[in-house]
């Protein structure tokens, strides 16, 4: 995830000549009610590695530091154990 004030620069010609499109995505644009069971099945079968999305495991008393690390871009995801 980019910083809130991040910008990008793109070459303009491919957008027109090759009909390229730029589409945003928030959490993969998933429809949780529809996709969640499929994601769980993929994770259980080993086809979806969800463990690599966890940067750090924390205790509940470390939650403030975890929020600081997230805001600073130091971690992808912290999980409370």
PDB file of N, CA and C in Angstrom:
ATOM      1  N   UNK A   1       0.848  -1.168   0.000  1.00  0.00           N
ATOM      2  CA  UNK A   1       0.000   0.000   0.000  1.00  0.00           C
ATOM      3  C   UNK A   1       0.890   1.225   0.000  1.00  0.00           C
ATOM      4  N   UNK A   2       0.599   2.119  -0.877  1.00  0.00           N
ATOM      5  CA  UNK A   2       1.380   3.349  -0.975  1.00  0.00           C
ATOM      6  C   UNK A   2       0.965   4.334   0.115  1.00  0.00           C
ATOM      7  N   UNK A   3       1.830   5.286   0.383  1.00  0.00           N
ATOM      8  CA  UNK A   3       1.499   6.349   1.324  1.00  0.00           C
ATOM      9  C   UNK A   3       0.351   7.180   0.764  1.00  0.00           C
ATOM     10  N   UNK A   4      -0.405   7.810   1.651  1.00  0.00           N
ATOM     11  CA  UNK A   4      -1.578   8.580   1.235  1.00  0.00           C
ATOM     12  C   UNK A   4      -1.231   9.711   0.278  1.00  0.00           C
ATOM     13  N   UNK A   5      -0.025  10.251   0.365  1.00  0.00           N
ATOM     14  CA  UNK A   5       0.353  11.357  -0.514  1.00  0.00           C
ATOM     15  C   UNK A   5       1.252  10.922  -1.679  1.00  0.00           C
ATOM     16  N   UNK A   6       1.361   9.612  -1.905  1.00  0.00           N
ATOM     17  CA  UNK A   6       2.206   9.103  -2.992  1.00  0.00           C
ATOM     18  C   UNK A   6       1.585   9.426  -4.348  1.00  0.00           C
ATOM     19  N   UNK A   7       2.447   9.645  -5.321  1.00  0.00           N
ATOM     20  CA  UNK A   7       1.994   9.893  -6.698  1.00  0.00           C
ATOM     21  C   UNK A   7       2.705   8.923  -7.624  1.00  0.00           C
ATOM     22  N   UNK A   8       2.137   8.738  -8.818  1.00  0.00           N
ATOM     23  CA  UNK A   8       2.768   7.892  -9.822  1.00  0.00           C
ATOM     24  C   UNK A   8       2.880   8.674 -11.128  1.00  0.00           C
ATOM     25  N   UNK A   9       3.831   8.272 -11.951  1.00  0.00           N
ATOM     26  CA  UNK A   9       4.001   8.858 -13.268  1.00  0.00           C
ATOM     27  C   UNK A   9       3.911   7.725 -14.281  1.00  0.00           C
ATOM     28  N   UNK A  10       3.103   7.920 -15.297  1.00  0.00           N
ATOM     29  CA  UNK A  10       2.905   6.895 -16.322  1.00  0.00           C
ATOM     30  C   UNK A  10       3.162   7.481 -17.700  1.00  0.00           C
ATOM     31  N   UNK A  11       3.678   6.668 -18.626  1.00  0.00           N
ATOM     32  CA  UNK A  11       3.795   7.150 -19.999  1.00  0.00           C
ATOM     33  C   UNK A  11       2.389   7.255 -20.607  1.00  0.00           C
ATOM     34  N   UNK A  12       2.066   8.362 -21.235  1.00  0.00           N
ATOM     35  CA  UNK A  12       0.714   8.613 -21.732  1.00  0.00           C
ATOM     36  C   UNK A  12       0.372   7.838 -23.002  1.00  0.00           C
ATOM     37  N   UNK A  13       1.335   7.652 -23.893  1.00  0.00           N
ATOM     38  CA  UNK A  13       1.032   7.058 -25.201  1.00  0.00           C
ATOM     39  C   UNK A  13       0.447   5.644 -25.094  1.00  0.00           C
ATOM     40  N   UNK A  14       0.997   4.736 -24.277  1.00  0.00           N
ATOM     41  CA  UNK A  14       0.391   3.405 -24.198  1.00  0.00           C
ATOM     42  C   UNK A  14      -1.065   3.425 -23.713  1.00  0.00           C
ATOM     43  N   UNK A  15      -1.416   4.413 -22.890  1.00  0.00           N
ATOM     44  CA  UNK A  15      -2.805   4.513 -22.455  1.00  0.00           C
ATOM     45  C   UNK A  15      -3.741   4.652 -23.651  1.00  0.00           C
ATOM     46  N   UNK A  16      -3.309   5.381 -24.650  1.00  0.00           N
ATOM     47  CA  UNK A  16      -4.150   5.623 -25.822  1.00  0.00           C
ATOM     48  C   UNK A  16      -3.936   4.578 -26.919  1.00  0.00           C
ATOM     49  N   UNK A  17      -2.689   4.377 -27.323  1.00  0.00           N
ATOM     50  CA  UNK A  17      -2.423   3.488 -28.452  1.00  0.00           C
ATOM     51  C   UNK A  17      -2.676   2.019 -28.150  1.00  0.00           C
ATOM     52  N   UNK A  18      -2.426   1.601 -26.903  1.00  0.00           N
ATOM     53  CA  UNK A  18      -2.622   0.199 -26.540  1.00  0.00           C
ATOM     54  C   UNK A  18      -3.880  -0.003 -25.693  1.00  0.00           C
ATOM     55  N   UNK A  19      -4.672   1.048 -25.553  1.00  0.00           N
ATOM     56  CA  UNK A  19      -5.920   1.011 -24.794  1.00  0.00           C
ATOM     57  C   UNK A  19      -5.728   0.442 -23.384  1.00  0.00           C
ATOM     58  N   UNK A  20      -4.661   0.885 -22.738  1.00  0.00           N
ATOM     59  CA  UNK A  20      -4.386   0.473 -21.365  1.00  0.00           C
ATOM     60  C   UNK A  20      -5.362   1.156 -20.422  1.00  0.00           C
ATOM     61  N   UNK A  21      -5.613   0.540 -19.272  1.00  0.00           N
ATOM     62  CA  UNK A  21      -6.501   1.121 -18.267  1.00  0.00           C
ATOM     63  C   UNK A  21      -5.832   1.056 -16.910  1.00  0.00           C
ATOM     64  N   UNK A  22      -6.114   2.023 -16.087  1.00  0.00           N
ATOM     65  CA  UNK A  22      -5.635   2.061 -14.715  1.00  0.00           C
ATOM     66  C   UNK A  22      -6.846   1.885 -13.809  1.00  0.00           C
ATOM     67  N   UNK A  23      -6.833   0.798 -13.028  1.00  0.00           N
ATOM     68  CA  UNK A  23      -7.978   0.479 -12.179  1.00  0.00           C
ATOM     69  C   UNK A  23      -7.491   0.317 -10.748  1.00  0.00           C
ATOM     70  N   UNK A  24      -8.112   1.021  -9.834  1.00  0.00           N
ATOM     71  CA  UNK A  24      -7.767   0.901  -8.422  1.00  0.00           C
ATOM     72  C   UNK A  24      -8.352  -0.365  -7.811  1.00  0.00           C
ATOM     73  N   UNK A  25      -7.805  -0.738  -6.672  1.00  0.00           N
ATOM     74  CA  UNK A  25      -8.289  -1.927  -5.974  1.00  0.00           C
ATOM     75  C   UNK A  25      -8.125  -1.720  -4.477  1.00  0.00           C
ATOM     76  N   UNK A  26      -9.173  -1.958  -3.726  1.00  0.00           N
ATOM     77  CA  UNK A  26      -9.125  -1.868  -2.273  1.00  0.00           C
ATOM     78  C   UNK A  26      -9.319  -3.265  -1.724  1.00  0.00           C
ATOM     79  N   UNK A  27      -8.284  -3.805  -1.074  1.00  0.00           N
ATOM     80  CA  UNK A  27      -8.300  -5.183  -0.581  1.00  0.00           C
ATOM     81  C   UNK A  27      -8.659  -6.163  -1.694  1.00  0.00           C
ATOM     82  N   UNK A  28      -8.120  -5.936  -2.874  1.00  0.00           N
ATOM     83  CA  UNK A  28      -8.351  -6.840  -3.991  1.00  0.00           C
ATOM     84  C   UNK A  28      -9.744  -6.757  -4.571  1.00  0.00           C
ATOM     85  N   UNK A  29     -10.505  -5.754  -4.165  1.00  0.00           N
ATOM     86  CA  UNK A  29     -11.895  -5.580  -4.607  1.00  0.00           C
ATOM     87  C   UNK A  29     -12.725  -6.836  -4.353  1.00  0.00           C
ATOM     88  N   UNK A  30     -12.395  -7.541  -3.293  1.00  0.00           N
ATOM     89  CA  UNK A  30     -13.104  -8.783  -2.963  1.00  0.00           C
ATOM     90  C   UNK A  30     -14.520  -8.500  -2.480  1.00  0.00           C
ATOM     91  N   UNK A  31     -15.396  -9.409  -2.785  1.00  0.00           N
ATOM     92  CA  UNK A  31     -16.754  -9.422  -2.253  1.00  0.00           C
ATOM     93  C   UNK A  31     -16.758 -10.513  -1.180  1.00  0.00           C
ATOM     94  N   UNK A  32     -16.549 -10.112   0.070  1.00  0.00           N
ATOM     95  CA  UNK A  32     -16.306 -11.067   1.155  1.00  0.00           C
ATOM     96  C   UNK A  32     -17.392 -12.127   1.256  1.00  0.00           C
ATOM     97  N   UNK A  33     -18.635 -11.744   1.195  1.00  0.00           N
ATOM     98  CA  UNK A  33     -19.718 -12.739   1.309  1.00  0.00           C
ATOM     99  C   UNK A  33     -19.622 -13.784   0.212  1.00  0.00           C
ATOM    100  N   UNK A  34     -19.152 -13.384  -0.956  1.00  0.00           N
ATOM    101  CA  UNK A  34     -19.059 -14.311  -2.078  1.00  0.00           C
ATOM    102  C   UNK A  34     -17.719 -15.046  -2.098  1.00  0.00           C
ATOM    103  N   UNK A  35     -16.613 -14.364  -1.744  1.00  0.00           N
ATOM    104  CA  UNK A  35     -15.274 -14.921  -1.944  1.00  0.00           C
ATOM    105  C   UNK A  35     -14.643 -15.575  -0.726  1.00  0.00           C
ATOM    106  N   UNK A  36     -15.133 -15.308   0.469  1.00  0.00           N
ATOM    107  CA  UNK A  36     -14.446 -15.747   1.688  1.00  0.00           C
ATOM    108  C   UNK A  36     -14.294 -17.265   1.759  1.00  0.00           C
ATOM    109  N   UNK A  37     -15.342 -18.011   1.475  1.00  0.00           N
ATOM    110  CA  UNK A  37     -15.260 -19.482   1.540  1.00  0.00           C
ATOM    111  C   UNK A  37     -14.213 -20.016   0.566  1.00  0.00           C
ATOM    112  N   UNK A  38     -14.131 -19.417  -0.620  1.00  0.00           N
ATOM    113  CA  UNK A  38     -13.126 -19.846  -1.602  1.00  0.00           C
ATOM    114  C   UNK A  38     -11.714 -19.555  -1.102  1.00  0.00           C
ATOM    115  N   UNK A  39     -11.514 -18.393  -0.481  1.00  0.00           N
ATOM    116  CA  UNK A  39     -10.197 -18.037   0.053  1.00  0.00           C
ATOM    117  C   UNK A  39      -9.782 -18.968   1.183  1.00  0.00           C
ATOM    118  N   UNK A  40     -10.714 -19.322   2.053  1.00  0.00           N
ATOM    119  CA  UNK A  40     -10.418 -20.263   3.138  1.00  0.00           C
ATOM    120  C   UNK A  40     -10.028 -21.621   2.561  1.00  0.00           C
ATOM    121  N   UNK A  41     -10.762 -22.088   1.580  1.00  0.00           N
ATOM    122  CA  UNK A  41     -10.444 -23.381   0.953  1.00  0.00           C
ATOM    123  C   UNK A  41      -9.060 -23.360   0.322  1.00  0.00           C
ATOM    124  N   UNK A  42      -8.714 -22.265  -0.353  1.00  0.00           N
ATOM    125  CA  UNK A  42      -7.379 -22.160  -0.952  1.00  0.00           C
ATOM    126  C   UNK A  42      -6.293 -22.152   0.119  1.00  0.00           C
ATOM    127  N   UNK A  43      -6.520 -21.449   1.223  1.00  0.00           N
ATOM    128  CA  UNK A  43      -5.542 -21.408   2.309  1.00  0.00           C
ATOM    129  C   UNK A  43      -5.385 -22.785   2.945  1.00  0.00           C
ATOM    130  N   UNK A  44      -6.491 -23.471   3.183  1.00  0.00           N
ATOM    131  CA  UNK A  44      -6.432 -24.799   3.803  1.00  0.00           C
ATOM    132  C   UNK A  44      -5.733 -25.817   2.906  1.00  0.00           C
ATOM    133  N   UNK A  45      -5.858 -25.668   1.599  1.00  0.00           N
ATOM    134  CA  UNK A  45      -5.218 -26.607   0.668  1.00  0.00           C
ATOM    135  C   UNK A  45      -3.751 -26.256   0.405  1.00  0.00           C
ATOM    136  N   UNK A  46      -3.305 -25.106   0.935  1.00  0.00           N
ATOM    137  CA  UNK A  46      -1.919 -24.704   0.730  1.00  0.00           C
ATOM    138  C   UNK A  46      -1.683 -23.923  -0.553  1.00  0.00           C
ATOM    139  N   UNK A  47      -2.733 -23.631  -1.292  1.00  0.00           N
ATOM    140  CA  UNK A  47      -2.588 -22.893  -2.543  1.00  0.00           C
ATOM    141  C   UNK A  47      -2.512 -21.387  -2.327  1.00  0.00           C
ATOM    142  N   UNK A  48      -2.899 -20.918  -1.145  1.00  0.00           N
ATOM    143  CA  UNK A  48      -2.857 -19.503  -0.823  1.00  0.00           C
ATOM    144  C   UNK A  48      -2.025 -19.324   0.438  1.00  0.00           C
ATOM    145  N   UNK A  49      -0.892 -18.655   0.307  1.00  0.00           N
ATOM    146  CA  UNK A  49       0.017 -18.460   1.434  1.00  0.00           C
ATOM    147  C   UNK A  49      -0.365 -17.182   2.176  1.00  0.00           C
ATOM    148  N   UNK A  50      -1.173 -17.315   3.218  1.00  0.00           N
ATOM    149  CA  UNK A  50      -1.574 -16.143   3.982  1.00  0.00           C
ATOM    150  C   UNK A  50      -0.560 -15.806   5.069  1.00  0.00           C
ATOM    151  N   UNK A  51       0.278 -16.748   5.419  1.00  0.00           N
ATOM    152  CA  UNK A  51       1.299 -16.506   6.446  1.00  0.00           C
ATOM    153  C   UNK A  51       2.311 -15.453   6.053  1.00  0.00           C
ATOM    154  N   UNK A  52       2.616 -15.346   4.765  1.00  0.00           N
ATOM    155  CA  UNK A  52       3.618 -14.365   4.335  1.00  0.00           C
ATOM    156  C   UNK A  52       3.095 -12.936   4.419  1.00  0.00           C
ATOM    157  N   UNK A  53       1.785 -12.758   4.586  1.00  0.00           N
ATOM    158  CA  UNK A  53       1.224 -11.417   4.734  1.00  0.00           C
ATOM    159  C   UNK A  53       1.357 -10.899   6.160  1.00  0.00           C
ATOM    160  N   UNK A  54       1.788 -11.756   7.076  1.00  0.00           N
ATOM    161  CA  UNK A  54       1.966 -11.357   8.476  1.00  0.00           C
ATOM    162  C   UNK A  54       3.418 -10.963   8.674  1.00  0.00           C
ATOM    163  N   UNK A  55       3.640  -9.684   8.947  1.00  0.00           N
ATOM    164  CA  UNK A  55       4.996  -9.193   9.163  1.00  0.00           C
ATOM    165  C   UNK A  55       5.455  -9.407  10.592  1.00  0.00           C
ATOM    166  N   UNK A  56       4.496  -9.344  11.516  1.00  0.00           N
ATOM    167  CA  UNK A  56       4.876  -9.375  12.921  1.00  0.00           C
ATOM    168  C   UNK A  56       3.731  -9.909  13.767  1.00  0.00           C
ATOM    169  N   UNK A  57       4.073 -10.708  14.766  1.00  0.00           N
ATOM    170  CA  UNK A  57       3.095 -11.168  15.754  1.00  0.00           C
ATOM    171  C   UNK A  57       3.342 -10.384  17.030  1.00  0.00           C
ATOM    172  N   UNK A  58       2.261  -9.861  17.608  1.00  0.00           N
ATOM    173  CA  UNK A  58       2.405  -8.997  18.778  1.00  0.00           C
ATOM    174  C   UNK A  58       1.503  -9.473  19.917  1.00  0.00           C
ATOM    175  N   UNK A  59       1.813  -9.004  21.114  1.00  0.00           N
ATOM    176  CA  UNK A  59       0.931  -9.198  22.270  1.00  0.00           C
ATOM    177  C   UNK A  59      -0.020  -8.013  22.327  1.00  0.00           C
ATOM    178  N   UNK A  60      -1.119  -8.158  23.028  1.00  0.00           N
ATOM    179  CA  UNK A  60      -2.108  -7.092  23.111  1.00  0.00           C
ATOM    180  C   UNK A  60      -1.515  -5.802  23.660  1.00  0.00           C
ATOM    181  N   UNK A  61      -0.586  -5.915  24.600  1.00  0.00           N
ATOM    182  CA  UNK A  61      -0.001  -4.695  25.170  1.00  0.00           C
ATOM    183  C   UNK A  61       0.955  -3.983  24.205  1.00  0.00           C
ATOM    184  N   UNK A  62       1.219  -4.553  23.039  1.00  0.00           N
ATOM    185  CA  UNK A  62       2.073  -3.932  22.028  1.00  0.00           C
ATOM    186  C   UNK A  62       1.271  -3.279  20.898  1.00  0.00           C
ATOM    187  N   UNK A  63      -0.051  -3.199  21.066  1.00  0.00           N
ATOM    188  CA  UNK A  63      -0.900  -2.748  19.974  1.00  0.00           C
ATOM    189  C   UNK A  63      -0.601  -1.308  19.555  1.00  0.00           C
ATOM    190  N   UNK A  64      -0.275  -0.433  20.476  1.00  0.00           N
ATOM    191  CA  UNK A  64       0.043   0.955  20.105  1.00  0.00           C
ATOM    192  C   UNK A  64       1.293   1.026  19.239  1.00  0.00           C
ATOM    193  N   UNK A  65       2.302   0.239  19.583  1.00  0.00           N
ATOM    194  CA  UNK A  65       3.516   0.199  18.767  1.00  0.00           C
ATOM    195  C   UNK A  65       3.216  -0.396  17.389  1.00  0.00           C
ATOM    196  N   UNK A  66       2.302  -1.370  17.341  1.00  0.00           N
ATOM    197  CA  UNK A  66       1.934  -1.979  16.063  1.00  0.00           C
ATOM    198  C   UNK A  66       1.269  -0.953  15.149  1.00  0.00           C
ATOM    199  N   UNK A  67       0.392  -0.109  15.709  1.00  0.00           N
ATOM    200  CA  UNK A  67      -0.229   0.941  14.902  1.00  0.00           C
ATOM    201  C   UNK A  67       0.816   1.941  14.412  1.00  0.00           C
ATOM    202  N   UNK A  68       1.782   2.287  15.258  1.00  0.00           N
ATOM    203  CA  UNK A  68       2.842   3.196  14.853  1.00  0.00           C
ATOM    204  C   UNK A  68       3.644   2.597  13.702  1.00  0.00           C
ATOM    205  N   UNK A  69       3.988   1.305  13.812  1.00  0.00           N
ATOM    206  CA  UNK A  69       4.762   0.633  12.765  1.00  0.00           C
ATOM    207  C   UNK A  69       3.979   0.555  11.458  1.00  0.00           C
ATOM    208  N   UNK A  70       2.667   0.339  11.557  1.00  0.00           N
ATOM    209  CA  UNK A  70       1.837   0.285  10.364  1.00  0.00           C
ATOM    210  C   UNK A  70       1.796   1.653   9.678  1.00  0.00           C
ATOM    211  N   UNK A  71       1.569   2.700  10.462  1.00  0.00           N
ATOM    212  CA  UNK A  71       1.512   4.047   9.899  1.00  0.00           C
ATOM    213  C   UNK A  71       2.844   4.477   9.294  1.00  0.00           C
ATOM    214  N   UNK A  72       3.949   3.971   9.842  1.00  0.00           N
ATOM    215  CA  UNK A  72       5.283   4.302   9.322  1.00  0.00           C
ATOM    216  C   UNK A  72       5.656   3.446   8.113  1.00  0.00           C
ATOM    217  N   UNK A  73       4.819   2.465   7.775  1.00  0.00           N
ATOM    218  CA  UNK A  73       5.108   1.599   6.637  1.00  0.00           C
ATOM    219  C   UNK A  73       6.165   0.557   6.920  1.00  0.00           C
ATOM    220  N   UNK A  74       6.379   0.234   8.188  1.00  0.00           N
ATOM    221  CA  UNK A  74       7.417  -0.738   8.566  1.00  0.00           C
ATOM    222  C   UNK A  74       6.943  -2.185   8.461  1.00  0.00           C
ATOM    223  N   UNK A  75       5.636  -2.405   8.455  1.00  0.00           N
ATOM    224  CA  UNK A  75       5.087  -3.765   8.418  1.00  0.00           C
ATOM    225  C   UNK A  75       3.947  -3.831   7.403  1.00  0.00           C
ATOM    226  N   UNK A  76       3.642  -5.046   6.959  1.00  0.00           N
ATOM    227  CA  UNK A  76       2.478  -5.255   6.113  1.00  0.00           C
ATOM    228  C   UNK A  76       1.264  -5.472   7.002  1.00  0.00           C
ATOM    229  N   UNK A  77       1.392  -6.391   7.936  1.00  0.00           N
ATOM    230  CA  UNK A  77       0.277  -6.707   8.813  1.00  0.00           C
ATOM    231  C   UNK A  77       0.822  -7.263  10.118  1.00  0.00           C
ATOM    232  N   UNK A  78       0.262  -6.789  11.233  1.00  0.00           N
ATOM    233  CA  UNK A  78       0.585  -7.339  12.548  1.00  0.00           C
ATOM    234  C   UNK A  78      -0.607  -8.147  13.040  1.00  0.00           C
ATOM    235  N   UNK A  79      -0.333  -9.263  13.699  1.00  0.00           N
ATOM    236  CA  UNK A  79      -1.387 -10.123  14.224  1.00  0.00           C
ATOM    237  C   UNK A  79      -1.216 -10.232  15.721  1.00  0.00           C
ATOM    238  N   UNK A  80      -2.306 -10.032  16.456  1.00  0.00           N
ATOM    239  CA  UNK A  80      -2.269 -10.147  17.922  1.00  0.00           C
ATOM    240  C   UNK A  80      -2.403 -11.611  18.294  1.00  0.00           C
ATOM    241  N   UNK A  81      -1.428 -12.114  19.062  1.00  0.00           N
ATOM    242  CA  UNK A  81      -1.447 -13.515  19.513  1.00  0.00           C
ATOM    243  C   UNK A  81      -1.608 -13.569  21.012  1.00  0.00           C
TER     244      UNK A  81
END
